[in-house]
């Protein structure tokens, strides 16, 4: 991909983007407790066109949020917003592409890339559930969260 596009995307993402790892509540499936972790990358903005640009170059999804839906949330706004997002391997691919150009979110991106690359499928029926893997995923989640608040 063109370096100018990657640099522009990284600059915009540094200012407007978010990297996080979501932990989905554990559930029991076939007698096994499963805890899912998912890498998420998103940008919220009141300008839909820039998010369409991100979708064109990096795939993903765009969702619309009305002013009414935003009331009482941390995203309270006088204008509607759109959110572009990618998750899991698509999020890792996006972060790998823009990593050389990131400044503010460089460390979070590095951790997120390692998290997604090393992630193992806990639903693999060929081996037992590994608590150490969940603890490792939680560590990545907490470290990225700390950096985001930094």
C-alpha atoms as a PDB file:
ATOM      1  CA  UNK A   1       0.000   0.000   0.000  1.00  0.00           C
ATOM      2  CA  UNK A   2       1.104   3.567  -0.692  1.00  0.00           C
ATOM      3  CA  UNK A   3       3.277   5.014   2.125  1.00  0.00           C
ATOM      4  CA  UNK A   4       1.423   8.325   2.003  1.00  0.00           C
ATOM      5  CA  UNK A   5      -1.905   6.555   2.648  1.00  0.00           C
ATOM      6  CA  UNK A   6      -0.368   4.587   5.528  1.00  0.00           C
ATOM      7  CA  UNK A   7       1.220   7.693   7.056  1.00  0.00           C
ATOM      8  CA  UNK A   8      -2.039   9.654   6.781  1.00  0.00           C
ATOM      9  CA  UNK A   9      -4.018   6.775   8.305  1.00  0.00           C
ATOM     10  CA  UNK A  10      -1.507   6.471  11.165  1.00  0.00           C
ATOM     11  CA  UNK A  11      -1.619  10.197  11.911  1.00  0.00           C
ATOM     12  CA  UNK A  12      -5.389  10.271  11.937  1.00  0.00           C
ATOM     13  CA  UNK A  13      -5.568   7.086  14.005  1.00  0.00           C
ATOM     14  CA  UNK A  14      -3.008   8.430  16.506  1.00  0.00           C
ATOM     15  CA  UNK A  15      -5.376  11.323  17.226  1.00  0.00           C
ATOM     16  CA  UNK A  16      -8.808   9.739  16.850  1.00  0.00           C
ATOM     17  CA  UNK A  17      -8.403   5.974  17.148  1.00  0.00           C
ATOM     18  CA  UNK A  18      -8.711   3.413  19.903  1.00  0.00           C
ATOM     19  CA  UNK A  19      -7.017   0.061  20.459  1.00  0.00           C
ATOM     20  CA  UNK A  20      -8.503  -2.277  23.035  1.00  0.00           C
ATOM     21  CA  UNK A  21      -8.924  -5.909  23.940  1.00  0.00           C
ATOM     22  CA  UNK A  22     -12.419  -6.846  25.000  1.00  0.00           C
ATOM     23  CA  UNK A  23     -13.005  -9.750  27.348  1.00  0.00           C
ATOM     24  CA  UNK A  24     -16.345 -11.393  26.763  1.00  0.00           C
ATOM     25  CA  UNK A  25     -17.899 -12.912  29.875  1.00  0.00           C
ATOM     26  CA  UNK A  26     -17.113 -16.568  30.423  1.00  0.00           C
ATOM     27  CA  UNK A  27     -19.660 -19.155  29.495  1.00  0.00           C
ATOM     28  CA  UNK A  28     -19.818 -22.894  29.703  1.00  0.00           C
ATOM     29  CA  UNK A  29     -19.871 -24.796  26.448  1.00  0.00           C
ATOM     30  CA  UNK A  30     -19.863 -28.580  26.353  1.00  0.00           C
ATOM     31  CA  UNK A  31     -18.819 -28.663  30.009  1.00  0.00           C
ATOM     32  CA  UNK A  32     -15.856 -26.317  29.485  1.00  0.00           C
ATOM     33  CA  UNK A  33     -15.563 -22.738  30.699  1.00  0.00           C
ATOM     34  CA  UNK A  34     -14.635 -20.468  27.805  1.00  0.00           C
ATOM     35  CA  UNK A  35     -13.384 -16.863  28.036  1.00  0.00           C
ATOM     36  CA  UNK A  36     -13.040 -14.994  24.768  1.00  0.00           C
ATOM     37  CA  UNK A  37     -10.734 -12.036  24.198  1.00  0.00           C
ATOM     38  CA  UNK A  38     -11.046  -9.971  21.073  1.00  0.00           C
ATOM     39  CA  UNK A  39      -8.751  -7.287  19.658  1.00  0.00           C
ATOM     40  CA  UNK A  40     -10.709  -4.219  18.546  1.00  0.00           C
ATOM     41  CA  UNK A  41      -9.559  -1.126  16.696  1.00  0.00           C
ATOM     42  CA  UNK A  42     -11.909   1.749  15.988  1.00  0.00           C
ATOM     43  CA  UNK A  43     -12.299   5.412  15.121  1.00  0.00           C
ATOM     44  CA  UNK A  44     -15.327   7.528  16.020  1.00  0.00           C
ATOM     45  CA  UNK A  45     -15.916  10.731  14.111  1.00  0.00           C
ATOM     46  CA  UNK A  46     -18.659  13.134  13.068  1.00  0.00           C
ATOM     47  CA  UNK A  47     -17.328  13.101   9.490  1.00  0.00           C
ATOM     48  CA  UNK A  48     -18.612   9.977   7.771  1.00  0.00           C
ATOM     49  CA  UNK A  49     -16.435  10.556   4.685  1.00  0.00           C
ATOM     50  CA  UNK A  50     -13.143   9.953   6.509  1.00  0.00           C
ATOM     51  CA  UNK A  51     -14.470   6.665   7.873  1.00  0.00           C
ATOM     52  CA  UNK A  52     -15.594   5.625   4.404  1.00  0.00           C
ATOM     53  CA  UNK A  53     -11.986   6.347   3.337  1.00  0.00           C
ATOM     54  CA  UNK A  54     -10.709   4.000   6.108  1.00  0.00           C
ATOM     55  CA  UNK A  55     -13.152   1.299   5.029  1.00  0.00           C
ATOM     56  CA  UNK A  56     -12.060   1.674   1.395  1.00  0.00           C
ATOM     57  CA  UNK A  57      -8.373   1.235   2.276  1.00  0.00           C
ATOM     58  CA  UNK A  58      -8.522  -1.108   5.276  1.00  0.00           C
ATOM     59  CA  UNK A  59     -11.926  -2.861   5.093  1.00  0.00           C
ATOM     60  CA  UNK A  60     -13.956  -3.066   8.296  1.00  0.00           C
ATOM     61  CA  UNK A  61     -17.401  -1.829   9.256  1.00  0.00           C
ATOM     62  CA  UNK A  62     -19.053   1.544   9.751  1.00  0.00           C
ATOM     63  CA  UNK A  63     -21.888   2.090  12.207  1.00  0.00           C
ATOM     64  CA  UNK A  64     -24.055   5.186  12.647  1.00  0.00           C
ATOM     65  CA  UNK A  65     -24.932   6.648  16.080  1.00  0.00           C
ATOM     66  CA  UNK A  66     -27.715   9.218  16.348  1.00  0.00           C
ATOM     67  CA  UNK A  67     -27.561  12.146  18.796  1.00  0.00           C
ATOM     68  CA  UNK A  68     -30.317  10.453  20.814  1.00  0.00           C
ATOM     69  CA  UNK A  69     -28.351   7.220  21.090  1.00  0.00           C
ATOM     70  CA  UNK A  70     -25.240   9.108  22.246  1.00  0.00           C
ATOM     71  CA  UNK A  71     -27.022  11.016  25.040  1.00  0.00           C
ATOM     72  CA  UNK A  72     -25.845   9.953  28.467  1.00  0.00           C
ATOM     73  CA  UNK A  73     -22.814   8.079  27.135  1.00  0.00           C
ATOM     74  CA  UNK A  74     -19.129   8.994  27.193  1.00  0.00           C
ATOM     75  CA  UNK A  75     -19.573   9.891  23.522  1.00  0.00           C
ATOM     76  CA  UNK A  76     -22.275  12.515  24.192  1.00  0.00           C
ATOM     77  CA  UNK A  77     -22.307  14.812  21.172  1.00  0.00           C
ATOM     78  CA  UNK A  78     -24.324  17.547  19.495  1.00  0.00           C
ATOM     79  CA  UNK A  79     -23.752  15.810  16.161  1.00  0.00           C
ATOM     80  CA  UNK A  80     -24.348  12.258  15.022  1.00  0.00           C
ATOM     81  CA  UNK A  81     -21.259  10.058  14.915  1.00  0.00           C
ATOM     82  CA  UNK A  82     -19.994   7.185  12.881  1.00  0.00           C
ATOM     83  CA  UNK A  83     -17.645   4.454  14.026  1.00  0.00           C
ATOM     84  CA  UNK A  84     -15.283   2.523  11.782  1.00  0.00           C
ATOM     85  CA  UNK A  85     -13.937  -0.674  13.294  1.00  0.00           C
ATOM     86  CA  UNK A  86     -11.969  -3.798  12.570  1.00  0.00           C
ATOM     87  CA  UNK A  87     -11.319  -6.706  14.903  1.00  0.00           C
ATOM     88  CA  UNK A  88      -9.127  -9.761  15.404  1.00  0.00           C
ATOM     89  CA  UNK A  89      -6.813 -10.523  12.461  1.00  0.00           C
ATOM     90  CA  UNK A  90      -8.118  -7.568  10.430  1.00  0.00           C
ATOM     91  CA  UNK A  91      -7.232  -5.261  13.334  1.00  0.00           C
ATOM     92  CA  UNK A  92      -3.759  -6.800  13.562  1.00  0.00           C
ATOM     93  CA  UNK A  93      -3.235  -6.367   9.808  1.00  0.00           C
ATOM     94  CA  UNK A  94      -4.282  -2.711  10.003  1.00  0.00           C
ATOM     95  CA  UNK A  95      -1.967  -2.030  12.943  1.00  0.00           C
ATOM     96  CA  UNK A  96       0.958  -3.810  11.263  1.00  0.00           C
ATOM     97  CA  UNK A  97       0.472  -1.690   8.149  1.00  0.00           C
ATOM     98  CA  UNK A  98       0.481   1.653   9.987  1.00  0.00           C
ATOM     99  CA  UNK A  99       2.919   0.733  12.795  1.00  0.00           C
ATOM    100  CA  UNK A 100       6.008   2.393  11.241  1.00  0.00           C
ATOM    101  CA  UNK A 101       4.116   5.693  11.126  1.00  0.00           C
ATOM    102  CA  UNK A 102       2.451   5.608  14.558  1.00  0.00           C
ATOM    103  CA  UNK A 103       3.697   7.824  17.343  1.00  0.00           C
ATOM    104  CA  UNK A 104       1.153   8.178  20.166  1.00  0.00           C
ATOM    105  CA  UNK A 105      -0.292   4.659  19.919  1.00  0.00           C
ATOM    106  CA  UNK A 106       2.888   2.847  18.858  1.00  0.00           C
ATOM    107  CA  UNK A 107       3.333   0.834  22.079  1.00  0.00           C
ATOM    108  CA  UNK A 108      -0.358  -0.153  22.229  1.00  0.00           C
ATOM    109  CA  UNK A 109      -0.167  -1.279  18.598  1.00  0.00           C
ATOM    110  CA  UNK A 110       2.931  -3.393  19.274  1.00  0.00           C
ATOM    111  CA  UNK A 111       1.230  -5.129  22.204  1.00  0.00           C
ATOM    112  CA  UNK A 112      -1.970  -5.652  20.215  1.00  0.00           C
ATOM    113  CA  UNK A 113      -0.075  -7.207  17.300  1.00  0.00           C
ATOM    114  CA  UNK A 114       1.737  -9.643  19.607  1.00  0.00           C
ATOM    115  CA  UNK A 115      -1.530 -10.441  21.413  1.00  0.00           C
ATOM    116  CA  UNK A 116      -3.359 -11.304  18.198  1.00  0.00           C
ATOM    117  CA  UNK A 117      -0.423 -13.189  16.679  1.00  0.00           C
ATOM    118  CA  UNK A 118       0.078 -15.332  19.780  1.00  0.00           C
ATOM    119  CA  UNK A 119      -3.603 -15.891  20.493  1.00  0.00           C
ATOM    120  CA  UNK A 120      -4.544 -19.545  20.612  1.00  0.00           C
ATOM    121  CA  UNK A 121      -7.985 -20.962  20.058  1.00  0.00           C
ATOM    122  CA  UNK A 122      -9.401 -21.923  23.445  1.00  0.00           C
ATOM    123  CA  UNK A 123     -12.178 -23.799  21.699  1.00  0.00           C
ATOM    124  CA  UNK A 124      -9.698 -26.345  20.353  1.00  0.00           C
ATOM    125  CA  UNK A 125     -11.193 -29.641  21.461  1.00  0.00           C
ATOM    126  CA  UNK A 126      -7.871 -31.448  20.963  1.00  0.00           C
ATOM    127  CA  UNK A 127      -6.320 -29.973  24.102  1.00  0.00           C
ATOM    128  CA  UNK A 128      -7.492 -28.956  27.556  1.00  0.00           C
ATOM    129  CA  UNK A 129      -8.413 -25.416  28.572  1.00  0.00           C
ATOM    130  CA  UNK A 130      -5.279 -23.462  29.563  1.00  0.00           C
ATOM    131  CA  UNK A 131      -5.764 -20.934  32.371  1.00  0.00           C
ATOM    132  CA  UNK A 132      -2.288 -19.496  31.701  1.00  0.00           C
ATOM    133  CA  UNK A 133      -3.480 -18.370  28.261  1.00  0.00           C
ATOM    134  CA  UNK A 134      -6.398 -16.461  29.774  1.00  0.00           C
ATOM    135  CA  UNK A 135      -4.060 -14.813  32.287  1.00  0.00           C
ATOM    136  CA  UNK A 136      -1.696 -13.837  29.478  1.00  0.00           C
ATOM    137  CA  UNK A 137      -4.568 -12.342  27.456  1.00  0.00           C
ATOM    138  CA  UNK A 138      -5.773 -10.431  30.513  1.00  0.00           C
ATOM    139  CA  UNK A 139      -2.246  -9.053  30.968  1.00  0.00           C
ATOM    140  CA  UNK A 140      -2.268  -7.687  27.387  1.00  0.00           C
ATOM    141  CA  UNK A 141      -5.752  -6.236  27.964  1.00  0.00           C
ATOM    142  CA  UNK A 142      -4.628  -4.441  31.147  1.00  0.00           C
ATOM    143  CA  UNK A 143      -1.362  -3.158  29.649  1.00  0.00           C
ATOM    144  CA  UNK A 144      -3.105  -1.658  26.627  1.00  0.00           C
ATOM    145  CA  UNK A 145      -5.747  -0.138  28.910  1.00  0.00           C
ATOM    146  CA  UNK A 146      -3.041   1.479  31.081  1.00  0.00           C
ATOM    147  CA  UNK A 147      -1.310   2.924  28.027  1.00  0.00           C
ATOM    148  CA  UNK A 148      -4.619   4.274  26.723  1.00  0.00           C
ATOM    149  CA  UNK A 149      -5.163   6.142  30.000  1.00  0.00           C
ATOM    150  CA  UNK A 150      -1.525   7.272  30.197  1.00  0.00           C
END
